[in-house]
Amino acid sequence: MAYQFTFTDRFQKHFRNLSEKEKTQVRNKLALFSENPLHPSLRTKRIQGTEFFECSINMDIRIIWYYEGEILIVLVDIGHHDILGKY
């Protein structure tokens, strides 16, 4: 079963600000993510005390997300490691 994604306006805005190389990395990781959000290379973990999870695109870029039902994942935000402070 592959998960489906929906993107918040914030995610889309911040995605547009990434470099082309970073966007390519995100697209490649999202393909993996859709098959298995807990794949070891994503280093997925719950953000303590919240409904949100974070996963790594590379050593700097993070995605903040949560499950919406059985197969839908809402991608809330993307950015450099410091975005974690907002959640």
N, C-alpha and C. Protein backbone atom coordinates (compact mmCIF):
# COMPACT_ATOMS: atom_id res chain seq x y z
N MET A 1 0.84 -1.19 0.00
CA MET A 1 0.00 0.00 0.00
C MET A 1 0.89 1.25 0.00
N ALA A 2 0.64 2.12 -0.92
CA ALA A 2 1.38 3.39 -0.97
C ALA A 2 0.54 4.48 -0.30
N TYR A 3 1.21 5.29 0.48
CA TYR A 3 0.54 6.43 1.11
C TYR A 3 0.38 7.54 0.09
N GLN A 4 -0.65 8.35 0.32
CA GLN A 4 -0.87 9.53 -0.51
C GLN A 4 -0.51 10.76 0.30
N PHE A 5 -0.14 11.83 -0.39
CA PHE A 5 0.27 13.06 0.28
C PHE A 5 -0.67 14.20 -0.06
N THR A 6 -0.82 15.09 0.89
CA THR A 6 -1.39 16.39 0.64
C THR A 6 -0.42 17.39 1.25
N PHE A 7 -0.38 18.59 0.69
CA PHE A 7 0.63 19.58 1.06
C PHE A 7 -0.04 20.84 1.58
N THR A 8 0.41 21.34 2.72
CA THR A 8 -0.12 22.61 3.20
C THR A 8 0.48 23.74 2.36
N ASP A 9 -0.15 24.90 2.43
CA ASP A 9 0.38 26.08 1.74
C ASP A 9 1.79 26.40 2.24
N ARG A 10 2.00 26.26 3.54
CA ARG A 10 3.32 26.53 4.13
C ARG A 10 4.37 25.60 3.53
N PHE A 11 4.05 24.30 3.41
CA PHE A 11 4.99 23.35 2.82
C PHE A 11 5.33 23.77 1.39
N GLN A 12 4.29 24.08 0.60
CA GLN A 12 4.52 24.44 -0.81
C GLN A 12 5.37 25.70 -0.93
N LYS A 13 5.10 26.68 -0.08
CA LYS A 13 5.88 27.93 -0.11
C LYS A 13 7.35 27.65 0.22
N HIS A 14 7.60 26.87 1.26
CA HIS A 14 8.98 26.61 1.68
C HIS A 14 9.70 25.67 0.70
N PHE A 15 8.95 24.76 0.07
CA PHE A 15 9.54 23.88 -0.94
C PHE A 15 10.07 24.72 -2.11
N ARG A 16 9.30 25.72 -2.51
CA ARG A 16 9.72 26.58 -3.64
C ARG A 16 11.04 27.30 -3.35
N ASN A 17 11.35 27.51 -2.06
CA ASN A 17 12.57 28.23 -1.68
C ASN A 17 13.82 27.34 -1.68
N LEU A 18 13.65 26.04 -1.84
CA LEU A 18 14.79 25.13 -1.84
C LEU A 18 15.56 25.22 -3.15
N SER A 19 16.81 24.83 -3.11
CA SER A 19 17.60 24.78 -4.35
C SER A 19 17.11 23.63 -5.22
N GLU A 20 17.49 23.63 -6.48
CA GLU A 20 17.08 22.55 -7.38
C GLU A 20 17.61 21.19 -6.90
N LYS A 21 18.83 21.19 -6.40
CA LYS A 21 19.40 19.96 -5.87
C LYS A 21 18.58 19.44 -4.69
N GLU A 22 18.21 20.35 -3.79
CA GLU A 22 17.40 19.96 -2.62
C GLU A 22 16.02 19.46 -3.06
N LYS A 23 15.41 20.12 -4.04
CA LYS A 23 14.10 19.67 -4.54
C LYS A 23 14.18 18.26 -5.11
N THR A 24 15.26 17.96 -5.83
CA THR A 24 15.45 16.62 -6.37
C THR A 24 15.58 15.61 -5.25
N GLN A 25 16.34 15.96 -4.21
CA GLN A 25 16.47 15.06 -3.06
C GLN A 25 15.12 14.82 -2.40
N VAL A 26 14.30 15.86 -2.27
CA VAL A 26 12.98 15.74 -1.67
C VAL A 26 12.11 14.79 -2.50
N ARG A 27 12.09 14.99 -3.81
CA ARG A 27 11.27 14.13 -4.67
C ARG A 27 11.69 12.66 -4.55
N ASN A 28 13.00 12.41 -4.52
CA ASN A 28 13.48 11.04 -4.40
C ASN A 28 13.08 10.42 -3.06
N LYS A 29 13.22 11.19 -1.99
CA LYS A 29 12.85 10.67 -0.66
C LYS A 29 11.34 10.49 -0.52
N LEU A 30 10.55 11.36 -1.16
CA LEU A 30 9.10 11.20 -1.07
C LEU A 30 8.63 9.92 -1.74
N ALA A 31 9.31 9.49 -2.79
CA ALA A 31 8.97 8.22 -3.43
C ALA A 31 9.18 7.07 -2.43
N LEU A 32 10.28 7.10 -1.72
CA LEU A 32 10.56 6.11 -0.69
C LEU A 32 9.56 6.24 0.47
N PHE A 33 9.32 7.47 0.87
CA PHE A 33 8.42 7.78 1.98
C PHE A 33 7.01 7.25 1.72
N SER A 34 6.54 7.37 0.48
CA SER A 34 5.17 6.92 0.17
C SER A 34 5.02 5.41 0.35
N GLU A 35 6.11 4.68 0.18
CA GLU A 35 6.07 3.23 0.37
C GLU A 35 6.25 2.84 1.84
N ASN A 36 7.06 3.60 2.57
CA ASN A 36 7.35 3.26 3.96
C ASN A 36 7.81 4.50 4.73
N PRO A 37 6.87 5.20 5.42
CA PRO A 37 7.24 6.41 6.17
C PRO A 37 8.26 6.14 7.28
N LEU A 38 8.43 4.88 7.66
CA LEU A 38 9.37 4.56 8.73
C LEU A 38 10.67 3.96 8.21
N HIS A 39 10.94 4.12 6.92
CA HIS A 39 12.18 3.59 6.35
C HIS A 39 13.37 4.18 7.11
N PRO A 40 14.36 3.34 7.46
CA PRO A 40 15.49 3.83 8.26
C PRO A 40 16.22 5.04 7.69
N SER A 41 16.31 5.16 6.38
CA SER A 41 17.06 6.30 5.81
C SER A 41 16.34 7.63 6.02
N LEU A 42 15.05 7.59 6.37
CA LEU A 42 14.30 8.82 6.63
C LEU A 42 14.48 9.32 8.07
N ARG A 43 14.97 8.44 8.94
CA ARG A 43 15.15 8.78 10.35
C ARG A 43 13.91 9.43 10.94
N THR A 44 12.75 8.82 10.69
CA THR A 44 11.47 9.35 11.15
C THR A 44 11.34 9.23 12.66
N LYS A 45 10.84 10.29 13.27
CA LYS A 45 10.52 10.23 14.69
C LYS A 45 9.40 11.19 15.03
N ARG A 46 8.65 10.84 16.07
CA ARG A 46 7.56 11.71 16.52
C ARG A 46 8.17 12.91 17.25
N ILE A 47 7.56 14.07 17.05
CA ILE A 47 7.98 15.26 17.78
C ILE A 47 7.26 15.20 19.13
N GLN A 48 8.04 15.11 20.17
CA GLN A 48 7.52 14.84 21.51
C GLN A 48 6.39 15.78 21.89
N GLY A 49 5.31 15.19 22.39
CA GLY A 49 4.18 15.97 22.88
C GLY A 49 3.26 16.51 21.80
N THR A 50 3.42 16.05 20.56
CA THR A 50 2.59 16.55 19.45
C THR A 50 2.09 15.38 18.61
N GLU A 51 1.21 15.71 17.66
CA GLU A 51 0.76 14.72 16.68
C GLU A 51 1.71 14.65 15.49
N PHE A 52 2.71 15.52 15.47
CA PHE A 52 3.60 15.65 14.32
C PHE A 52 4.77 14.67 14.37
N PHE A 53 5.24 14.35 13.17
CA PHE A 53 6.45 13.57 12.99
C PHE A 53 7.43 14.41 12.19
N GLU A 54 8.70 14.06 12.26
CA GLU A 54 9.70 14.67 11.40
C GLU A 54 10.45 13.56 10.70
N CYS A 55 10.89 13.85 9.49
CA CYS A 55 11.78 12.93 8.79
C CYS A 55 12.86 13.75 8.09
N SER A 56 13.96 13.08 7.78
CA SER A 56 15.12 13.75 7.20
C SER A 56 15.19 13.50 5.70
N ILE A 57 15.44 14.54 4.95
CA ILE A 57 15.72 14.42 3.52
C ILE A 57 17.23 14.25 3.33
N ASN A 58 17.99 15.07 4.04
CA ASN A 58 19.44 14.95 4.09
C ASN A 58 19.85 15.37 5.50
N MET A 59 21.08 15.65 5.73
CA MET A 59 21.50 16.00 7.09
C MET A 59 20.98 17.37 7.54
N ASP A 60 20.42 18.15 6.63
CA ASP A 60 19.96 19.49 6.96
C ASP A 60 18.46 19.69 6.76
N ILE A 61 17.87 19.10 5.73
CA ILE A 61 16.47 19.35 5.38
C ILE A 61 15.56 18.37 6.12
N ARG A 62 14.49 18.92 6.72
CA ARG A 62 13.51 18.12 7.44
C ARG A 62 12.11 18.39 6.89
N ILE A 63 11.26 17.36 6.98
CA ILE A 63 9.84 17.51 6.68
C ILE A 63 9.07 17.26 7.98
N ILE A 64 8.10 18.12 8.25
CA ILE A 64 7.18 17.95 9.37
C ILE A 64 5.87 17.44 8.77
N TRP A 65 5.30 16.38 9.38
CA TRP A 65 4.11 15.77 8.80
C TRP A 65 3.29 15.06 9.87
N TYR A 66 2.05 14.66 9.48
CA TYR A 66 1.22 13.82 10.34
C TYR A 66 0.30 12.96 9.49
N TYR A 67 -0.19 11.90 10.11
CA TYR A 67 -1.15 11.01 9.45
C TYR A 67 -2.54 11.61 9.51
N GLU A 68 -3.28 11.51 8.40
CA GLU A 68 -4.69 11.91 8.35
C GLU A 68 -5.44 10.67 7.85
N GLY A 69 -5.87 9.84 8.77
CA GLY A 69 -6.55 8.60 8.38
C GLY A 69 -5.53 7.50 8.07
N GLU A 70 -5.99 6.51 7.31
CA GLU A 70 -5.20 5.30 7.06
C GLU A 70 -4.11 5.48 6.00
N ILE A 71 -4.40 6.24 4.95
CA ILE A 71 -3.44 6.29 3.83
C ILE A 71 -2.99 7.69 3.45
N LEU A 72 -3.51 8.71 4.14
CA LEU A 72 -3.15 10.08 3.77
C LEU A 72 -2.15 10.65 4.77
N ILE A 73 -1.11 11.26 4.26
CA ILE A 73 -0.12 11.96 5.06
C ILE A 73 -0.13 13.43 4.67
N VAL A 74 -0.27 14.29 5.67
CA VAL A 74 -0.26 15.74 5.45
C VAL A 74 1.16 16.24 5.69
N LEU A 75 1.77 16.79 4.64
CA LEU A 75 3.10 17.37 4.74
C LEU A 75 2.92 18.84 5.15
N VAL A 76 3.30 19.14 6.37
CA VAL A 76 3.00 20.43 6.99
C VAL A 76 4.03 21.49 6.63
N ASP A 77 5.31 21.11 6.71
CA ASP A 77 6.37 22.11 6.50
C ASP A 77 7.64 21.39 6.05
N ILE A 78 8.50 22.14 5.42
CA ILE A 78 9.81 21.63 5.01
C ILE A 78 10.81 22.74 5.18
N GLY A 79 12.01 22.37 5.58
CA GLY A 79 13.05 23.40 5.69
C GLY A 79 14.27 22.86 6.39
N HIS A 80 15.14 23.77 6.71
CA HIS A 80 16.38 23.41 7.36
C HIS A 80 16.10 22.99 8.81
N HIS A 81 17.03 22.33 9.41
CA HIS A 81 16.83 21.68 10.70
C HIS A 81 16.18 22.61 11.74
N ASP A 82 16.40 23.91 11.65
CA ASP A 82 15.87 24.84 12.66
C ASP A 82 14.35 24.97 12.62
N ILE A 83 13.66 24.43 11.60
CA ILE A 83 12.19 24.51 11.59
C ILE A 83 11.59 23.70 12.73
N LEU A 84 12.35 22.76 13.28
CA LEU A 84 11.81 21.93 14.34
C LEU A 84 11.41 22.75 15.57
N GLY A 85 12.03 23.89 15.75
CA GLY A 85 11.69 24.75 16.87
C GLY A 85 10.27 25.30 16.82
N LYS A 86 9.66 25.31 15.65
CA LYS A 86 8.30 25.82 15.48
C LYS A 86 7.25 24.81 15.92
N TYR A 87 7.66 23.56 16.09
CA TYR A 87 6.70 22.49 16.40
C TYR A 87 7.07 21.89 17.72
